[in-house]
Amino acid sequence: MNSPSPGFQVDHDDNSPLYKQLARKLAQDVRDGRYQADQALPSERMLSEQLDVSRVTARKAIDQLVDQGLVVRRRGSGNYIAPRIEQPLSTLSSFSEQLQQRGYTPRSQWLRRDTMLADADEQLSLGLSPGARIARLERLRFADDIVMAYEVSVIPAAVLPRPELVAASLYAHLSRSGHLPVRALQHIRAMNADLELATRLEVPEGRAVLFITRVGYLESGQPVELTHSYCRSDHYDFVAELRRQA
């Protein structure tokens, strides 16, 4: 178990409470890589002894990190650094694949799996005719039992006539039927979570989240997937490599 970086000193020019100063120090230790995802944070007692602060101060500092999404509490086990996903924008992969590559256990909680008429936006995105039917799949995505995202996926019903048969991975299901997307266009922007979304993501109302719209295409160029993802910004980083043209 790592210990916090040395040298924590009370900043007497800072009017904020001591526990907030300590929380900022611990958050910086996380960002500096002194703690890794899923690593246990020192206990309140250890922090108070190592940094010469009261246990009440240590407890309130940890509470701050939990509120910020940097730390998660596991009942009967302790406090752990929250998972964080670094997703390259140059690779098309599923949520399950991303987590498994990083050693996490992916899980979905299904909220909806049924078919219905496509609305105007879905018709436009998927190249469907008026009156066409689509499969709609809504779910919460988890990494090691920590909610990471809320997703709404729309697939033409001709491709996915029985959405209730989709199990853990939508992409694995599409691959078995020969309809796995080979390329996609993604748009990413920030938005503030309303009460309903915040409740689903287990974040405070108004918290900034990443809203991602992806349209996936088959080799033929046919659009086959429209997915809206609402990702917790405290758990996701998107990375792009840029090159200057010669």
Protein backbone atom coordinates (compact mmCIF):
# COMPACT_ATOMS: atom_id res chain seq x y z
CA MET A 1 0.00 0.00 0.00
CA ASN A 2 1.41 3.37 -0.98
CA SER A 3 1.61 6.25 1.45
CA PRO A 4 0.75 9.86 0.57
CA SER A 5 3.57 12.01 -0.76
CA PRO A 6 5.51 13.61 2.09
CA GLY A 7 5.44 17.22 3.09
CA PHE A 8 1.78 17.98 3.77
CA GLN A 9 1.70 21.35 5.48
CA VAL A 10 -1.20 23.50 6.54
CA ASP A 11 -1.44 26.53 4.27
CA HIS A 12 -2.25 29.34 6.68
CA ASP A 13 -2.96 31.68 3.75
CA ASP A 14 -5.71 29.31 2.62
CA ASN A 15 -8.99 30.04 4.36
CA SER A 16 -10.51 26.68 3.43
CA PRO A 17 -10.89 24.02 6.16
CA LEU A 18 -8.00 21.66 6.82
CA TYR A 19 -9.90 18.63 5.51
CA LYS A 20 -10.36 20.35 2.14
CA GLN A 21 -6.63 21.11 1.94
CA LEU A 22 -5.90 17.46 2.71
CA ALA A 23 -8.47 16.31 0.13
CA ARG A 24 -6.76 18.42 -2.54
CA LYS A 25 -3.39 16.91 -1.63
CA LEU A 26 -4.72 13.36 -1.82
CA ALA A 27 -6.47 14.13 -5.12
CA GLN A 28 -3.17 15.41 -6.52
CA ASP A 29 -1.44 12.21 -5.35
CA VAL A 30 -4.03 10.23 -7.33
CA ARG A 31 -3.47 12.37 -10.44
CA ASP A 32 0.31 12.07 -10.06
CA GLY A 33 0.04 8.28 -10.14
CA ARG A 34 0.99 7.57 -6.52
CA TYR A 35 -2.18 5.51 -6.38
CA GLN A 36 -3.45 3.26 -9.15
CA ALA A 37 -7.04 2.36 -10.03
CA ASP A 38 -8.52 -0.22 -7.65
CA GLN A 39 -5.70 0.32 -5.14
CA ALA A 40 -6.70 0.67 -1.48
CA LEU A 41 -6.34 4.10 0.05
CA PRO A 42 -4.71 4.21 3.51
CA SER A 43 -7.22 4.03 6.32
CA GLU A 44 -8.31 7.08 8.30
CA ARG A 45 -6.07 5.97 11.16
CA MET A 46 -3.03 5.55 8.91
CA LEU A 47 -3.61 8.90 7.21
CA SER A 48 -3.97 10.67 10.53
CA GLU A 49 -0.72 9.14 11.80
CA GLN A 50 1.27 9.66 8.58
CA LEU A 51 0.15 13.26 8.05
CA ASP A 52 -0.29 14.32 11.67
CA VAL A 53 -3.96 15.25 11.36
CA SER A 54 -7.00 14.15 13.33
CA ARG A 55 -9.03 11.13 12.24
CA VAL A 56 -12.02 13.43 11.80
CA THR A 57 -10.00 15.51 9.32
CA ALA A 58 -8.86 12.37 7.50
CA ARG A 59 -12.41 11.03 7.35
CA LYS A 60 -13.84 14.27 5.96
CA ALA A 61 -11.03 14.46 3.38
CA ILE A 62 -11.85 10.95 2.18
CA ASP A 63 -15.54 11.92 2.06
CA GLN A 64 -14.55 14.73 -0.33
CA LEU A 65 -12.73 12.30 -2.62
CA VAL A 66 -15.78 10.01 -2.63
CA ASP A 67 -18.01 12.96 -3.56
CA GLN A 68 -15.60 13.84 -6.39
CA GLY A 69 -15.70 10.28 -7.73
CA LEU A 70 -11.97 9.67 -7.18
CA VAL A 71 -12.53 7.13 -4.42
CA VAL A 72 -15.20 4.46 -3.91
CA ARG A 73 -16.18 2.81 -0.64
CA ARG A 74 -16.51 -0.96 -0.49
CA ARG A 75 -18.46 -2.06 2.55
CA GLY A 76 -16.39 -4.14 4.90
CA SER A 77 -13.27 -3.71 2.76
CA GLY A 78 -12.17 -0.08 2.73
CA ASN A 79 -11.70 2.85 0.35
CA TYR A 80 -10.33 2.29 -3.14
CA ILE A 81 -9.19 4.45 -6.04
CA ALA A 82 -12.02 4.52 -8.57
CA PRO A 83 -11.63 2.88 -11.98
CA ARG A 84 -10.66 5.16 -14.85
CA ILE A 85 -10.92 4.27 -18.52
CA GLU A 86 -8.52 5.79 -21.04
CA GLN A 87 -10.16 5.23 -24.41
CA PRO A 88 -8.24 5.93 -27.62
CA LEU A 89 -10.37 7.65 -30.23
CA SER A 90 -8.62 5.82 -33.07
CA THR A 91 -9.93 2.34 -32.12
CA LEU A 92 -13.48 1.00 -32.42
CA SER A 93 -14.13 -1.36 -29.53
CA SER A 94 -16.96 -2.28 -27.20
CA PHE A 95 -17.30 -1.22 -23.58
CA SER A 96 -16.73 -4.82 -22.48
CA GLU A 97 -13.55 -5.08 -24.55
CA GLN A 98 -12.19 -1.81 -23.12
CA LEU A 99 -12.70 -2.97 -19.54
CA GLN A 100 -11.38 -6.49 -20.03
CA GLN A 101 -8.20 -5.11 -21.64
CA ARG A 102 -7.62 -3.09 -18.45
CA GLY A 103 -8.35 -5.91 -16.03
CA TYR A 104 -11.85 -4.83 -14.96
CA THR A 105 -14.96 -6.98 -14.88
CA PRO A 106 -17.67 -5.48 -17.12
CA ARG A 107 -21.35 -5.82 -16.26
CA SER A 108 -24.61 -4.43 -17.63
CA GLN A 109 -27.89 -3.75 -15.90
CA TRP A 110 -30.59 -3.85 -18.54
CA LEU A 111 -33.29 -1.19 -18.28
CA ARG A 112 -35.00 -1.87 -21.61
CA ARG A 113 -34.77 -4.30 -24.55
CA ASP A 114 -37.66 -4.06 -27.00
CA THR A 115 -38.71 -3.00 -30.49
CA MET A 116 -40.68 0.04 -31.65
CA LEU A 117 -41.11 2.49 -34.52
CA ALA A 118 -38.04 4.58 -35.32
CA ASP A 119 -38.36 8.31 -34.68
CA ALA A 120 -37.24 10.93 -37.19
CA ASP A 121 -33.68 11.27 -35.83
CA GLU A 122 -33.22 7.51 -35.77
CA GLN A 123 -34.50 7.20 -39.33
CA LEU A 124 -32.03 9.85 -40.47
CA SER A 125 -29.01 8.42 -38.58
CA LEU A 126 -29.66 4.82 -39.68
CA GLY A 127 -30.97 5.52 -43.20
CA LEU A 128 -34.38 4.01 -42.45
CA SER A 129 -37.69 4.58 -44.17
CA PRO A 130 -40.69 6.08 -42.35
CA GLY A 131 -42.50 3.34 -40.45
CA ALA A 132 -39.34 1.24 -40.02
CA ARG A 133 -38.91 -0.53 -36.71
CA ILE A 134 -35.85 -0.48 -34.48
CA ALA A 135 -34.56 -2.37 -31.45
CA ARG A 136 -33.91 -0.10 -28.48
CA LEU A 137 -31.56 -1.21 -25.72
CA GLU A 138 -31.03 0.84 -22.57
CA ARG A 139 -28.58 -0.18 -19.86
CA LEU A 140 -26.24 0.92 -17.12
CA ARG A 141 -22.61 -0.08 -17.65
CA PHE A 142 -20.49 -1.14 -14.67
CA ALA A 143 -16.80 -1.76 -14.03
CA ASP A 144 -16.22 -3.91 -10.95
CA ASP A 145 -19.69 -2.93 -9.69
CA ILE A 146 -19.06 0.81 -10.17
CA VAL A 147 -21.47 2.52 -12.54
CA MET A 148 -19.55 4.06 -15.43
CA ALA A 149 -22.14 5.01 -18.04
CA TYR A 150 -25.77 4.97 -19.14
CA GLU A 151 -26.22 3.86 -22.76
CA VAL A 152 -29.06 3.86 -25.25
CA SER A 153 -28.40 1.79 -28.39
CA VAL A 154 -30.66 1.70 -31.43
CA ILE A 155 -30.32 -1.06 -34.05
CA PRO A 156 -32.54 -1.65 -37.11
CA ALA A 157 -35.04 -4.38 -36.24
CA ALA A 158 -34.11 -6.13 -39.49
CA VAL A 159 -30.63 -6.60 -37.98
CA LEU A 160 -31.74 -7.26 -34.40
CA PRO A 161 -35.30 -8.60 -34.39
CA ARG A 162 -35.08 -10.02 -30.84
CA PRO A 163 -33.14 -7.59 -28.63
CA GLU A 164 -34.07 -9.57 -25.50
CA LEU A 165 -31.53 -12.19 -26.63
CA VAL A 166 -28.60 -9.77 -26.28
CA ALA A 167 -26.62 -10.81 -23.20
CA ALA A 168 -23.49 -9.10 -21.88
CA SER A 169 -22.08 -7.58 -25.09
CA LEU A 170 -24.07 -6.04 -27.94
CA TYR A 171 -21.03 -6.11 -30.23
CA ALA A 172 -20.46 -9.83 -29.54
CA HIS A 173 -24.11 -10.48 -30.46
CA LEU A 174 -23.82 -8.43 -33.67
CA SER A 175 -20.59 -10.22 -34.54
CA ARG A 176 -22.29 -13.62 -34.34
CA SER A 177 -25.01 -12.44 -36.74
CA GLY A 178 -22.48 -10.92 -39.17
CA HIS A 179 -23.45 -7.29 -38.44
CA LEU A 180 -20.49 -6.03 -36.43
CA PRO A 181 -19.63 -2.37 -37.20
CA VAL A 182 -16.17 -1.92 -38.69
CA ARG A 183 -16.01 1.87 -38.44
CA ALA A 184 -17.89 4.58 -36.59
CA LEU A 185 -18.31 8.33 -36.30
CA GLN A 186 -18.40 9.75 -32.78
CA HIS A 187 -19.37 13.17 -31.48
CA ILE A 188 -18.41 14.06 -27.91
CA ARG A 189 -19.58 17.00 -25.84
CA ALA A 190 -20.05 17.90 -22.20
CA MET A 191 -23.44 18.30 -20.56
CA ASN A 192 -24.79 18.69 -17.05
CA ALA A 193 -26.74 15.74 -15.65
CA ASP A 194 -30.38 16.36 -14.81
CA LEU A 195 -31.87 14.66 -11.76
CA GLU A 196 -32.91 11.47 -13.60
CA LEU A 197 -29.52 10.99 -15.27
CA ALA A 198 -27.61 11.91 -12.11
CA THR A 199 -29.57 9.30 -10.16
CA ARG A 200 -28.73 6.63 -12.72
CA LEU A 201 -25.03 7.52 -12.75
CA GLU A 202 -24.89 7.97 -8.96
CA VAL A 203 -23.50 11.51 -9.22
CA PRO A 204 -24.82 14.84 -7.88
CA GLU A 205 -27.42 16.63 -9.99
CA GLY A 206 -25.74 19.12 -12.30
CA ARG A 207 -22.45 17.17 -12.48
CA ALA A 208 -20.72 17.43 -15.85
CA VAL A 209 -20.84 14.19 -17.86
CA LEU A 210 -19.60 13.24 -21.33
CA PHE A 211 -22.36 12.80 -23.91
CA ILE A 212 -21.21 10.63 -26.83
CA THR A 213 -23.18 9.91 -29.98
CA ARG A 214 -21.82 7.11 -32.17
CA VAL A 215 -23.04 5.83 -35.52
CA GLY A 216 -21.48 2.50 -36.52
CA TYR A 217 -21.22 1.28 -40.12
CA LEU A 218 -20.79 -2.08 -41.82
CA GLU A 219 -18.11 -2.71 -44.44
CA SER A 220 -20.74 -1.93 -47.09
CA GLY A 221 -21.24 1.55 -45.62
CA GLN A 222 -24.68 0.73 -44.23
CA PRO A 223 -25.30 2.34 -40.81
CA VAL A 224 -26.17 -0.39 -38.31
CA GLU A 225 -25.84 1.19 -34.86
CA LEU A 226 -26.80 4.46 -33.19
CA THR A 227 -25.64 4.71 -29.58
CA HIS A 228 -25.98 7.57 -27.12
CA SER A 229 -23.65 7.19 -24.12
CA TYR A 230 -23.66 9.30 -20.98
CA CYS A 231 -20.30 8.69 -19.32
CA ARG A 232 -19.10 9.78 -15.91
CA SER A 233 -16.38 12.34 -16.58
CA ASP A 234 -14.58 11.33 -13.36
CA HIS A 235 -14.02 7.83 -14.79
CA TYR A 236 -13.34 8.49 -18.49
CA ASP A 237 -10.46 9.98 -20.46
CA PHE A 238 -10.54 10.11 -24.26
CA VAL A 239 -7.15 10.16 -25.94
CA ALA A 240 -6.38 11.11 -29.55
CA GLU A 241 -3.02 11.00 -31.31
CA LEU A 242 -2.62 13.90 -33.74
CA ARG A 243 -0.16 14.08 -36.62
CA ARG A 244 0.79 17.03 -38.75
CA GLN A 245 0.36 16.45 -42.46
CA ALA A 246 3.59 16.63 -44.46
